[in-house]
PDB file of N, CA and C in Angstrom:
ATOM      1  N   MET A   1      11.018  15.142  -1.136  1.00  0.00           N
ATOM      2  CA  MET A   1      10.386  16.095  -0.731  1.00  0.00           C
ATOM      3  C   MET A   1       9.022  15.766  -0.166  1.00  0.00           C
ATOM      4  N   PRO A   2       8.502  15.718   0.737  1.00  0.00           N
ATOM      5  CA  PRO A   2       7.316  15.629   1.306  1.00  0.00           C
ATOM      6  C   PRO A   2       6.031  15.847   0.298  1.00  0.00           C
ATOM      7  N   LEU A   3       5.135  14.981   0.376  1.00  0.00           N
ATOM      8  CA  LEU A   3       3.657  15.093  -0.481  1.00  0.00           C
ATOM      9  C   LEU A   3       3.109  16.598  -0.035  1.00  0.00           C
ATOM     10  N   SER A   4       2.573  17.159  -0.848  1.00  0.00           N
ATOM     11  CA  SER A   4       1.767  18.595  -0.883  1.00  0.00           C
ATOM     12  C   SER A   4       0.442  18.172   0.153  1.00  0.00           C
ATOM     13  N   GLU A   5      -0.087  18.985   0.875  1.00  0.00           N
ATOM     14  CA  GLU A   5      -1.427  18.753   1.692  1.00  0.00           C
ATOM     15  C   GLU A   5      -2.509  18.457   0.568  1.00  0.00           C
ATOM     16  N   PHE A   6      -2.587  19.062  -0.649  1.00  0.00           N
ATOM     17  CA  PHE A   6      -3.497  18.352  -1.562  1.00  0.00           C
ATOM     18  C   PHE A   6      -3.304  17.033  -1.872  1.00  0.00           C
ATOM     19  N   GLU A   7      -2.120  16.601  -2.252  1.00  0.00           N
ATOM     20  CA  GLU A   7      -1.615  15.358  -2.627  1.00  0.00           C
ATOM     21  C   GLU A   7      -1.986  14.228  -1.347  1.00  0.00           C
ATOM     22  N   ILE A   8      -1.646  14.596  -0.225  1.00  0.00           N
ATOM     23  CA  ILE A   8      -2.043  13.931   0.880  1.00  0.00           C
ATOM     24  C   ILE A   8      -3.546  13.640   1.243  1.00  0.00           C
ATOM     25  N   LYS A   9      -4.287  14.459   1.004  1.00  0.00           N
ATOM     26  CA  LYS A   9      -5.764  14.358   1.047  1.00  0.00           C
ATOM     27  C   LYS A   9      -6.269  13.514  -0.107  1.00  0.00           C
ATOM     28  N   ARG A  10      -5.799  13.627  -1.142  1.00  0.00           N
ATOM     29  CA  ARG A  10      -6.218  12.755  -2.582  1.00  0.00           C
ATOM     30  C   ARG A  10      -5.950  11.511  -2.114  1.00  0.00           C
ATOM     31  N   VAL A  11      -4.359  11.139  -1.888  1.00  0.00           N
ATOM     32  CA  VAL A  11      -3.980   9.832  -1.437  1.00  0.00           C
ATOM     33  C   VAL A  11      -4.725   9.227  -0.263  1.00  0.00           C
ATOM     34  N   ASP A  12      -4.945   9.862   0.770  1.00  0.00           N
ATOM     35  CA  ASP A  12      -5.702   9.354   1.979  1.00  0.00           C
ATOM     36  C   ASP A  12      -7.014   9.112   1.476  1.00  0.00           C
ATOM     37  N   LYS A  13      -7.936  10.012   0.859  1.00  0.00           N
ATOM     38  CA  LYS A  13      -9.126   9.416   0.264  1.00  0.00           C
ATOM     39  C   LYS A  13      -9.154   8.100  -0.628  1.00  0.00           C
ATOM     40  N   LEU A  14      -8.317   8.187  -1.782  1.00  0.00           N
ATOM     41  CA  LEU A  14      -8.079   6.949  -2.440  1.00  0.00           C
ATOM     42  C   LEU A  14      -7.977   5.427  -1.587  1.00  0.00           C
ATOM     43  N   PHE A  15      -6.735   5.687  -0.615  1.00  0.00           N
ATOM     44  CA  PHE A  15      -6.463   4.446   0.031  1.00  0.00           C
ATOM     45  C   PHE A  15      -7.350   4.174   1.295  1.00  0.00           C
ATOM     46  N   THR A  16      -8.122   5.162   1.889  1.00  0.00           N
ATOM     47  CA  THR A  16      -9.231   4.638   2.670  1.00  0.00           C
ATOM     48  C   THR A  16     -10.249   4.043   2.053  1.00  0.00           C
ATOM     49  N   ALA A  17     -10.686   4.480   0.775  1.00  0.00           N
ATOM     50  CA  ALA A  17     -11.932   4.040   0.189  1.00  0.00           C
ATOM     51  C   ALA A  17     -11.286   2.462  -0.174  1.00  0.00           C
ATOM     52  N   TYR A  18     -10.112   2.222  -0.817  1.00  0.00           N
ATOM     53  CA  TYR A  18      -9.569   1.060  -1.152  1.00  0.00           C
ATOM     54  C   TYR A  18      -9.484   0.140  -0.057  1.00  0.00           C
ATOM     55  N   CYS A  19      -8.906   0.402   1.135  1.00  0.00           N
ATOM     56  CA  CYS A  19      -8.973  -0.572   2.386  1.00  0.00           C
ATOM     57  C   CYS A  19      -9.992  -1.029   2.555  1.00  0.00           C
ATOM     58  N   GLU A  20     -10.998  -0.005   2.623  1.00  0.00           N
ATOM     59  CA  GLU A  20     -12.419  -0.354   3.245  1.00  0.00           C
ATOM     60  C   GLU A  20     -13.408  -1.508   2.506  1.00  0.00           C
ATOM     61  N   ARG A  21     -12.908  -1.185   1.126  1.00  0.00           N
ATOM     62  CA  ARG A  21     -13.561  -1.871  -0.052  1.00  0.00           C
ATOM     63  C   ARG A  21     -13.037  -3.430   0.011  1.00  0.00           C
ATOM     64  N   LYS A  22     -11.596  -3.556   0.386  1.00  0.00           N
ATOM     65  CA  LYS A  22     -11.029  -4.861   0.313  1.00  0.00           C
ATOM     66  C   LYS A  22     -11.353  -5.647   1.477  1.00  0.00           C
ATOM     67  N   VAL A  23     -11.677  -5.218   2.628  1.00  0.00           N
ATOM     68  CA  VAL A  23     -11.887  -5.852   3.986  1.00  0.00           C
ATOM     69  C   VAL A  23     -13.360  -5.771   4.450  1.00  0.00           C
ATOM     70  N   PRO A  24     -14.241  -6.735   4.342  1.00  0.00           N
ATOM     71  CA  PRO A  24     -15.637  -6.264   4.683  1.00  0.00           C
ATOM     72  C   PRO A  24     -15.661  -6.037   6.150  1.00  0.00           C
ATOM     73  N   GLY A  25     -16.416  -5.167   6.842  1.00  0.00           N
ATOM     74  CA  GLY A  25     -16.757  -5.037   7.878  1.00  0.00           C
ATOM     75  C   GLY A  25     -16.537  -6.060   9.190  1.00  0.00           C
ATOM     76  N   HIS A  26     -17.188  -7.150   8.782  1.00  0.00           N
ATOM     77  CA  HIS A  26     -17.406  -8.193   9.870  1.00  0.00           C
ATOM     78  C   HIS A  26     -16.129  -9.001  10.021  1.00  0.00           C
ATOM     79  N   LEU A  27     -15.282  -8.637   9.030  1.00  0.00           N
ATOM     80  CA  LEU A  27     -13.871  -9.459   9.263  1.00  0.00           C
ATOM     81  C   LEU A  27     -12.964  -8.481   9.764  1.00  0.00           C
ATOM     82  N   ARG A  28     -13.007  -7.128  10.047  1.00  0.00           N
ATOM     83  CA  ARG A  28     -11.879  -6.262  10.355  1.00  0.00           C
ATOM     84  C   ARG A  28     -11.704  -6.685  11.946  1.00  0.00           C
ATOM     85  N   ASP A  29     -12.070  -7.395  12.676  1.00  0.00           N
ATOM     86  CA  ASP A  29     -11.637  -7.980  14.213  1.00  0.00           C
ATOM     87  C   ASP A  29     -10.379  -9.140  13.610  1.00  0.00           C
ATOM     88  N   TYR A  30     -10.367  -9.313  12.376  1.00  0.00           N
ATOM     89  CA  TYR A  30      -9.379 -10.613  12.186  1.00  0.00           C
ATOM     90  C   TYR A  30      -8.426 -10.255  10.982  1.00  0.00           C
ATOM     91  N   LEU A  31      -8.744  -8.972  10.196  1.00  0.00           N
ATOM     92  CA  LEU A  31      -7.750  -8.851   9.143  1.00  0.00           C
ATOM     93  C   LEU A  31      -8.174  -7.343   8.961  1.00  0.00           C
ATOM     94  N   ARG A  32      -6.832  -6.425   8.597  1.00  0.00           N
ATOM     95  CA  ARG A  32      -7.036  -5.158   8.364  1.00  0.00           C
ATOM     96  C   ARG A  32      -6.065  -4.827   7.146  1.00  0.00           C
ATOM     97  N   LEU A  33      -6.851  -4.020   6.197  1.00  0.00           N
ATOM     98  CA  LEU A  33      -5.662  -3.687   5.223  1.00  0.00           C
ATOM     99  C   LEU A  33      -5.579  -2.038   5.580  1.00  0.00           C
ATOM    100  N   GLU A  34      -4.392  -1.832   5.799  1.00  0.00           N
ATOM    101  CA  GLU A  34      -4.134  -0.259   6.281  1.00  0.00           C
ATOM    102  C   GLU A  34      -3.120   0.338   5.394  1.00  0.00           C
ATOM    103  N   TYR A  35      -2.728   1.809   5.554  1.00  0.00           N
ATOM    104  CA  TYR A  35      -1.788   2.327   4.744  1.00  0.00           C
ATOM    105  C   TYR A  35      -1.039   3.542   5.693  1.00  0.00           C
ATOM    106  N   HIS A  36      -0.149   4.032   5.331  1.00  0.00           N
ATOM    107  CA  HIS A  36       0.928   4.954   6.228  1.00  0.00           C
ATOM    108  C   HIS A  36       1.425   5.851   5.201  1.00  0.00           C
ATOM    109  N   ILE A  37       1.145   7.105   5.043  1.00  0.00           N
ATOM    110  CA  ILE A  37       1.732   7.954   4.451  1.00  0.00           C
ATOM    111  C   ILE A  37       3.092   8.739   5.210  1.00  0.00           C
ATOM    112  N   ARG A  38       4.230   8.735   4.732  1.00  0.00           N
ATOM    113  CA  ARG A  38       5.455   9.041   5.283  1.00  0.00           C
ATOM    114  C   ARG A  38       6.375   9.870   4.097  1.00  0.00           C
ATOM    115  N   HIS A  39       6.342  10.999   4.295  1.00  0.00           N
ATOM    116  CA  HIS A  39       7.137  12.159   3.317  1.00  0.00           C
ATOM    117  C   HIS A  39       6.532  11.881   1.923  1.00  0.00           C
ATOM    118  N   ASP A  40       7.383  11.214   1.257  1.00  0.00           N
ATOM    119  CA  ASP A  40       6.857  11.144  -0.366  1.00  0.00           C
ATOM    120  C   ASP A  40       6.405   9.984  -0.718  1.00  0.00           C
ATOM    121  N   GLU A  41       6.066   8.998   0.514  1.00  0.00           N
ATOM    122  CA  GLU A  41       5.850   7.806   0.289  1.00  0.00           C
ATOM    123  C   GLU A  41       4.471   7.104   0.702  1.00  0.00           C
ATOM    124  N   VAL A  42       3.935   6.177   0.328  1.00  0.00           N
ATOM    125  CA  VAL A  42       2.457   5.422   0.864  1.00  0.00           C
ATOM    126  C   VAL A  42       3.017   4.287   0.837  1.00  0.00           C
ATOM    127  N   SER A  43       2.883   3.490   2.132  1.00  0.00           N
ATOM    128  CA  SER A  43       3.012   2.081   2.353  1.00  0.00           C
ATOM    129  C   SER A  43       1.738   1.425   2.631  1.00  0.00           C
ATOM    130  N   LEU A  44       1.312   0.460   1.952  1.00  0.00           N
ATOM    131  CA  LEU A  44       0.111  -0.384   1.829  1.00  0.00           C
ATOM    132  C   LEU A  44       0.587  -1.722   2.773  1.00  0.00           C
ATOM    133  N   PHE A  45      -0.134  -2.045   4.106  1.00  0.00           N
ATOM    134  CA  PHE A  45       0.226  -3.327   4.738  1.00  0.00           C
ATOM    135  C   PHE A  45      -0.889  -4.091   4.952  1.00  0.00           C
ATOM    136  N   GLU A  46      -0.987  -5.334   5.420  1.00  0.00           N
ATOM    137  CA  GLU A  46      -2.170  -6.165   5.938  1.00  0.00           C
ATOM    138  C   GLU A  46      -1.623  -6.677   7.275  1.00  0.00           C
ATOM    139  N   SER A  47      -2.600  -6.330   8.012  1.00  0.00           N
ATOM    140  CA  SER A  47      -2.489  -6.505   9.625  1.00  0.00           C
ATOM    141  C   SER A  47      -3.339  -7.613  10.122  1.00  0.00           C
ATOM    142  N   ARG A  48      -2.798  -8.340  10.813  1.00  0.00           N
ATOM    143  CA  ARG A  48      -3.872  -9.689  11.665  1.00  0.00           C
ATOM    144  C   ARG A  48      -3.433  -9.344  13.142  1.00  0.00           C
ATOM    145  N   PRO A  49      -4.127 -10.109  14.007  1.00  0.00           N
ATOM    146  CA  PRO A  49      -4.199 -10.134  15.321  1.00  0.00           C
ATOM    147  C   PRO A  49      -2.848 -11.303  15.714  1.00  0.00           C
ATOM    148  N   HIS A  50      -2.091 -10.922  16.607  1.00  0.00           N
ATOM    149  CA  HIS A  50      -1.169 -11.652  16.956  1.00  0.00           C
ATOM    150  C   HIS A  50      -1.906 -13.172  17.528  1.00  0.00           C
ATOM    151  N   LEU A  51      -1.337 -14.543  17.242  1.00  0.00           N
ATOM    152  CA  LEU A  51      -2.069 -15.457  17.296  1.00  0.00           C
ATOM    153  C   LEU A  51      -2.054 -15.922  18.808  1.00  0.00           C
ATOM    154  N   GLN A  52      -1.314 -15.426  19.790  1.00  0.00           N
ATOM    155  CA  GLN A  52      -1.241 -15.659  21.009  1.00  0.00           C
ATOM    156  C   GLN A  52      -2.455 -14.702  22.102  1.00  0.00           C
ATOM    157  N   GLY A  53      -3.208 -13.730  20.931  1.00  0.00           N
ATOM    158  CA  GLY A  53      -4.169 -13.206  21.555  1.00  0.00           C
ATOM    159  C   GLY A  53      -3.830 -12.087  22.594  1.00  0.00           C
ATOM    160  N   SER A  54      -2.609 -11.520  22.492  1.00  0.00           N
ATOM    161  CA  SER A  54      -1.860 -10.356  23.320  1.00  0.00           C
ATOM    162  C   SER A  54      -2.686  -9.188  23.233  1.00  0.00           C
ATOM    163  N   GLY A  55      -3.562  -9.018  22.046  1.00  0.00           N
ATOM    164  CA  GLY A  55      -3.898  -7.694  21.595  1.00  0.00           C
ATOM    165  C   GLY A  55      -3.064  -6.992  20.844  1.00  0.00           C
ATOM    166  N   GLU A  56      -2.109  -7.585  20.358  1.00  0.00           N
ATOM    167  CA  GLU A  56      -1.045  -6.698  19.262  1.00  0.00           C
ATOM    168  C   GLU A  56      -1.358  -7.478  18.061  1.00  0.00           C
ATOM    169  N   TRP A  57      -1.229  -6.512  17.181  1.00  0.00           N
ATOM    170  CA  TRP A  57      -1.245  -6.711  15.762  1.00  0.00           C
ATOM    171  C   TRP A  57      -0.098  -6.903  14.998  1.00  0.00           C
ATOM    172  N   ILE A  58      -0.091  -7.984  14.119  1.00  0.00           N
ATOM    173  CA  ILE A  58       1.294  -8.080  13.076  1.00  0.00           C
ATOM    174  C   ILE A  58       0.889  -7.708  11.766  1.00  0.00           C
ATOM    175  N   SER A  59       1.812  -7.147  11.317  1.00  0.00           N
ATOM    176  CA  SER A  59       1.788  -6.215   9.862  1.00  0.00           C
ATOM    177  C   SER A  59       2.651  -6.839   9.114  1.00  0.00           C
ATOM    178  N   THR A  60       2.313  -7.184   7.916  1.00  0.00           N
ATOM    179  CA  THR A  60       2.852  -7.676   6.517  1.00  0.00           C
ATOM    180  C   THR A  60       2.827  -6.582   5.275  1.00  0.00           C
ATOM    181  N   ARG A  61       4.047  -6.283   4.885  1.00  0.00           N
ATOM    182  CA  ARG A  61       4.182  -5.525   3.952  1.00  0.00           C
ATOM    183  C   ARG A  61       3.496  -5.866   2.517  1.00  0.00           C
ATOM    184  N   VAL A  62       2.687  -5.007   2.168  1.00  0.00           N
ATOM    185  CA  VAL A  62       1.901  -5.279   0.682  1.00  0.00           C
ATOM    186  C   VAL A  62       2.599  -4.577  -0.499  1.00  0.00           C
ATOM    187  N   ALA A  63       2.573  -3.353  -0.305  1.00  0.00           N
ATOM    188  CA  ALA A  63       3.100  -2.518  -1.442  1.00  0.00           C
ATOM    189  C   ALA A  63       3.688  -1.220  -0.999  1.00  0.00           C
ATOM    190  N   CYS A  64       4.601  -0.595  -1.600  1.00  0.00           N
ATOM    191  CA  CYS A  64       5.052   0.848  -1.371  1.00  0.00           C
ATOM    192  C   CYS A  64       4.915   1.690  -2.873  1.00  0.00           C
ATOM    193  N   PHE A  65       4.210   2.980  -2.510  1.00  0.00           N
ATOM    194  CA  PHE A  65       4.402   3.754  -3.594  1.00  0.00           C
ATOM    195  C   PHE A  65       5.275   5.183  -3.367  1.00  0.00           C
ATOM    196  N   ARG A  66       6.092   5.344  -3.951  1.00  0.00           N
ATOM    197  CA  ARG A  66       7.062   6.484  -3.952  1.00  0.00           C
ATOM    198  C   ARG A  66       6.842   7.401  -5.037  1.00  0.00           C
ATOM    199  N   LYS A  67       6.585   8.699  -4.501  1.00  0.00           N
ATOM    200  CA  LYS A  67       6.559   9.975  -5.533  1.00  0.00           C
ATOM    201  C   LYS A  67       8.064  10.732  -5.856  1.00  0.00           C
ATOM    202  N   ASP A  68       8.209  10.493  -6.975  1.00  0.00           N
ATOM    203  CA  ASP A  68       9.283  11.267  -7.412  1.00  0.00           C
ATOM    204  C   ASP A  68       8.907  12.556  -8.151  1.00  0.00           C
ATOM    205  N   GLU A  69       8.959  13.511  -7.418  1.00  0.00           N
ATOM    206  CA  GLU A  69       8.407  14.843  -7.568  1.00  0.00           C
ATOM    207  C   GLU A  69       9.079  15.574  -8.898  1.00  0.00           C
ATOM    208  N   GLU A  70      10.344  15.411  -9.105  1.00  0.00           N
ATOM    209  CA  GLU A  70      11.133  15.955 -10.458  1.00  0.00           C
ATOM    210  C   GLU A  70      10.408  15.138 -11.538  1.00  0.00           C
ATOM    211  N   ALA A  71      10.059  13.981 -11.437  1.00  0.00           N
ATOM    212  CA  ALA A  71       9.665  13.320 -12.753  1.00  0.00           C
ATOM    213  C   ALA A  71       8.055  13.177 -12.888  1.00  0.00           C
ATOM    214  N   GLY A  72       7.520  13.695 -11.831  1.00  0.00           N
ATOM    215  CA  GLY A  72       6.165  14.026 -11.587  1.00  0.00           C
ATOM    216  C   GLY A  72       5.450  12.392 -11.970  1.00  0.00           C
ATOM    217  N   SER A  73       5.966  11.341 -10.999  1.00  0.00           N
ATOM    218  CA  SER A  73       5.531  10.189 -11.417  1.00  0.00           C
ATOM    219  C   SER A  73       5.880   9.439 -10.049  1.00  0.00           C
ATOM    220  N   TRP A  74       5.038   8.275  -9.844  1.00  0.00           N
ATOM    221  CA  TRP A  74       4.969   7.482  -8.846  1.00  0.00           C
ATOM    222  C   TRP A  74       5.619   6.257  -9.163  1.00  0.00           C
ATOM    223  N   GLN A  75       6.432   5.543  -8.301  1.00  0.00           N
ATOM    224  CA  GLN A  75       7.067   4.196  -8.519  1.00  0.00           C
ATOM    225  C   GLN A  75       6.529   3.200  -7.608  1.00  0.00           C
ATOM    226  N   LEU A  76       6.272   1.993  -7.908  1.00  0.00           N
ATOM    227  CA  LEU A  76       5.547   1.006  -7.460  1.00  0.00           C
ATOM    228  C   LEU A  76       6.740  -0.023  -6.608  1.00  0.00           C
ATOM    229  N   PHE A  77       6.620  -0.506  -5.691  1.00  0.00           N
ATOM    230  CA  PHE A  77       7.381  -1.805  -4.973  1.00  0.00           C
ATOM    231  C   PHE A  77       6.766  -2.684  -4.516  1.00  0.00           C
ATOM    232  N   TRP A  78       7.166  -3.873  -4.263  1.00  0.00           N
ATOM    233  CA  TRP A  78       6.767  -5.051  -3.597  1.00  0.00           C
ATOM    234  C   TRP A  78       7.513  -5.561  -2.584  1.00  0.00           C
ATOM    235  N   ALA A  79       7.301  -6.148  -1.551  1.00  0.00           N
ATOM    236  CA  ALA A  79       8.265  -6.511  -0.472  1.00  0.00           C
ATOM    237  C   ALA A  79       8.688  -8.127  -0.879  1.00  0.00           C
ATOM    238  N   ASP A  80       9.951  -8.335  -0.735  1.00  0.00           N
ATOM    239  CA  ASP A  80      10.527  -9.805  -0.953  1.00  0.00           C
ATOM    240  C   ASP A  80      10.491 -10.322   0.188  1.00  0.00           C
ATOM    241  N   ARG A  81      11.097 -11.694   0.161  1.00  0.00           N
ATOM    242  CA  ARG A  81      10.748 -12.675   1.216  1.00  0.00           C
ATOM    243  C   ARG A  81      11.558 -12.256   2.495  1.00  0.00           C
ATOM    244  N   ASP A  82      12.779 -11.094   2.270  1.00  0.00           N
ATOM    245  CA  ASP A  82      13.493 -10.520   3.334  1.00  0.00           C
ATOM    246  C   ASP A  82      12.965  -9.395   3.735  1.00  0.00           C
ATOM    247  N   ASN A  83      11.611  -8.754   3.301  1.00  0.00           N
ATOM    248  CA  ASN A  83      10.968  -7.789   3.621  1.00  0.00           C
ATOM    249  C   ASN A  83      11.762  -6.514   3.240  1.00  0.00           C
ATOM    250  N   GLN A  84      12.293  -6.613   1.977  1.00  0.00           N
ATOM    251  CA  GLN A  84      13.009  -5.375   1.162  1.00  0.00           C
ATOM    252  C   GLN A  84      12.088  -5.029   0.096  1.00  0.00           C
ATOM    253  N   TRP A  85      11.829  -3.536   0.006  1.00  0.00           N
ATOM    254  CA  TRP A  85      11.311  -3.193  -1.263  1.00  0.00           C
ATOM    255  C   TRP A  85      12.070  -3.550  -2.644  1.00  0.00           C
ATOM    256  N   GLN A  86      11.243  -4.003  -3.351  1.00  0.00           N
ATOM    257  CA  GLN A  86      11.909  -3.995  -4.784  1.00  0.00           C
ATOM    258  C   GLN A  86      10.701  -3.537  -5.763  1.00  0.00           C
ATOM    259  N   PRO A  87      11.509  -2.877  -6.649  1.00  0.00           N
ATOM    260  CA  PRO A  87      10.678  -2.269  -7.796  1.00  0.00           C
ATOM    261  C   PRO A  87       9.680  -3.163  -8.618  1.00  0.00           C
ATOM    262  N   TYR A  88       8.466  -2.688  -8.765  1.00  0.00           N
ATOM    263  CA  TYR A  88       7.634  -3.752  -9.580  1.00  0.00           C
ATOM    264  C   TYR A  88       8.029  -3.466 -11.208  1.00  0.00           C
ATOM    265  N   SER A  89       8.666  -4.437 -11.821  1.00  0.00           N
ATOM    266  CA  SER A  89       9.023  -4.326 -13.311  1.00  0.00           C
ATOM    267  C   SER A  89       7.891  -4.244 -14.260  1.00  0.00           C
ATOM    268  N   SER A  90       6.982  -5.027 -13.971  1.00  0.00           N
ATOM    269  CA  SER A  90       5.610  -4.973 -14.663  1.00  0.00           C
ATOM    270  C   SER A  90       4.893  -3.741 -15.184  1.00  0.00           C
ATOM    271  N   LEU A  91       4.983  -2.739 -14.069  1.00  0.00           N
ATOM    272  CA  LEU A  91       4.494  -1.368 -14.222  1.00  0.00           C
ATOM    273  C   LEU A  91       5.355  -0.604 -13.341  1.00  0.00           C
ATOM    274  N   PRO A  92       6.456  -0.271 -13.594  1.00  0.00           N
ATOM    275  CA  PRO A  92       7.541   0.774 -12.513  1.00  0.00           C
ATOM    276  C   PRO A  92       6.939   2.146 -12.065  1.00  0.00           C
ATOM    277  N   PHE A  93       6.515   2.544 -13.081  1.00  0.00           N
ATOM    278  CA  PHE A  93       6.496   4.323 -12.816  1.00  0.00           C
ATOM    279  C   PHE A  93       5.198   4.425 -13.410  1.00  0.00           C
ATOM    280  N   HIS A  94       4.319   5.632 -13.065  1.00  0.00           N
ATOM    281  CA  HIS A  94       3.143   5.969 -13.566  1.00  0.00           C
ATOM    282  C   HIS A  94       2.979   7.352 -13.082  1.00  0.00           C
ATOM    283  N   ARG A  95       2.268   8.054 -13.751  1.00  0.00           N
ATOM    284  CA  ARG A  95       1.718   9.589 -13.306  1.00  0.00           C
ATOM    285  C   ARG A  95       0.908   9.526 -12.273  1.00  0.00           C
ATOM    286  N   ASP A  96      -0.150   8.400 -12.299  1.00  0.00           N
ATOM    287  CA  ASP A  96      -1.326   8.017 -11.338  1.00  0.00           C
ATOM    288  C   ASP A  96      -1.204   7.381 -10.261  1.00  0.00           C
ATOM    289  N   ILE A  97      -1.478   7.340  -9.254  1.00  0.00           N
ATOM    290  CA  ILE A  97      -1.221   6.274  -8.170  1.00  0.00           C
ATOM    291  C   ILE A  97      -2.370   5.605  -8.023  1.00  0.00           C
ATOM    292  N   GLU A  98      -3.365   6.073  -8.833  1.00  0.00           N
ATOM    293  CA  GLU A  98      -4.739   5.083  -9.139  1.00  0.00           C
ATOM    294  C   GLU A  98      -4.203   3.784  -9.787  1.00  0.00           C
ATOM    295  N   ARG A  99      -3.406   4.390 -10.833  1.00  0.00           N
ATOM    296  CA  ARG A  99      -3.110   2.997 -11.810  1.00  0.00           C
ATOM    297  C   ARG A  99      -2.177   2.018 -11.253  1.00  0.00           C
ATOM    298  N   LEU A 100      -1.246   2.524 -10.481  1.00  0.00           N
ATOM    299  CA  LEU A 100      -0.235   1.468  -9.668  1.00  0.00           C
ATOM    300  C   LEU A 100      -1.294   0.946  -8.627  1.00  0.00           C
ATOM    301  N   LEU A 101      -2.279   1.569  -7.933  1.00  0.00           N
ATOM    302  CA  LEU A 101      -3.054   0.627  -6.956  1.00  0.00           C
ATOM    303  C   LEU A 101      -3.758  -0.299  -7.773  1.00  0.00           C
ATOM    304  N   GLN A 102      -4.075  -0.076  -8.812  1.00  0.00           N
ATOM    305  CA  GLN A 102      -5.081  -0.947  -9.748  1.00  0.00           C
ATOM    306  C   GLN A 102      -4.078  -2.232 -10.090  1.00  0.00           C
ATOM    307  N   ALA A 103      -2.866  -2.117 -10.278  1.00  0.00           N
ATOM    308  CA  ALA A 103      -1.846  -3.135 -10.589  1.00  0.00           C
ATOM    309  C   ALA A 103      -1.675  -4.174  -9.266  1.00  0.00           C
ATOM    310  N   VAL A 104      -1.809  -3.285  -8.112  1.00  0.00           N
ATOM    311  CA  VAL A 104      -1.568  -4.247  -6.802  1.00  0.00           C
ATOM    312  C   VAL A 104      -3.014  -4.784  -6.731  1.00  0.00           C
ATOM    313  N   GLU A 105      -4.202  -4.334  -6.887  1.00  0.00           N
ATOM    314  CA  GLU A 105      -5.570  -5.094  -7.056  1.00  0.00           C
ATOM    315  C   GLU A 105      -5.536  -6.301  -8.092  1.00  0.00           C
ATOM    316  N   LYS A 106      -4.975  -6.065  -9.222  1.00  0.00           N
ATOM    317  CA  LYS A 106      -5.009  -7.157  -9.957  1.00  0.00           C
ATOM    318  C   LYS A 106      -4.026  -8.227  -9.688  1.00  0.00           C
ATOM    319  N   ASN A 107      -2.865  -7.822  -8.992  1.00  0.00           N
ATOM    320  CA  ASN A 107      -1.629  -8.638  -8.675  1.00  0.00           C
ATOM    321  C   ASN A 107      -1.352 -10.039  -9.572  1.00  0.00           C
ATOM    322  N   GLU A 108      -1.186  -9.508 -11.016  1.00  0.00           N
ATOM    323  CA  GLU A 108      -0.970 -10.284 -12.145  1.00  0.00           C
ATOM    324  C   GLU A 108       0.116 -11.441 -11.904  1.00  0.00           C
ATOM    325  N   SER A 109       1.549 -10.636 -11.359  1.00  0.00           N
ATOM    326  CA  SER A 109       2.428 -11.474 -11.006  1.00  0.00           C
ATOM    327  C   SER A 109       2.406 -12.331  -9.719  1.00  0.00           C
ATOM    328  N   GLY A 110       1.483 -11.889  -8.820  1.00  0.00           N
ATOM    329  CA  GLY A 110       1.399 -12.592  -7.432  1.00  0.00           C
ATOM    330  C   GLY A 110       2.270 -12.061  -6.556  1.00  0.00           C
ATOM    331  N   VAL A 111       2.990 -10.939  -6.577  1.00  0.00           N
ATOM    332  CA  VAL A 111       3.948 -10.542  -5.725  1.00  0.00           C
ATOM    333  C   VAL A 111       3.419  -9.790  -4.321  1.00  0.00           C
ATOM    334  N   PHE A 112       2.217  -9.102  -4.753  1.00  0.00           N
ATOM    335  CA  PHE A 112       1.535  -8.527  -3.672  1.00  0.00           C
ATOM    336  C   PHE A 112       0.790  -9.251  -2.804  1.00  0.00           C
ATOM    337  N   MET A 113       1.265  -9.370  -1.166  1.00  0.00           N
ATOM    338  CA  MET A 113       0.562 -10.382  -0.428  1.00  0.00           C
ATOM    339  C   MET A 113      -0.595  -9.920   0.423  1.00  0.00           C
ATOM    340  N   GLU A 114      -1.741  -9.761  -0.550  1.00  0.00           N
ATOM    341  CA  GLU A 114      -3.205  -9.383   0.092  1.00  0.00           C
ATOM    342  C   GLU A 114      -3.875 -10.700   0.332  1.00  0.00           C
TER     343      GLU A 114
END
């Protein structure tokens, strides 16, 4: 089930602030931390300009947050070497997406590619 309008606005505000805080303004021509909201999922990814200077940006998956509406909680995933989402076992579910974003920030297991 897609996120509610209220949830989308809350997530948008949270992730916009996080991405802006993580990458200083003077580096944004070389590195971006971005997110995309789709249905019940928020994907966080890092983007860098293509090495050949074509104006194209290359994105790498960092984390995925999926909302389980029935359980009322979010699940956190990380991207493996094959770019497939794997559940983050250290903190797999939490009611607050903020807590899962803090786990990405801390990156204690080193699986989030920021």
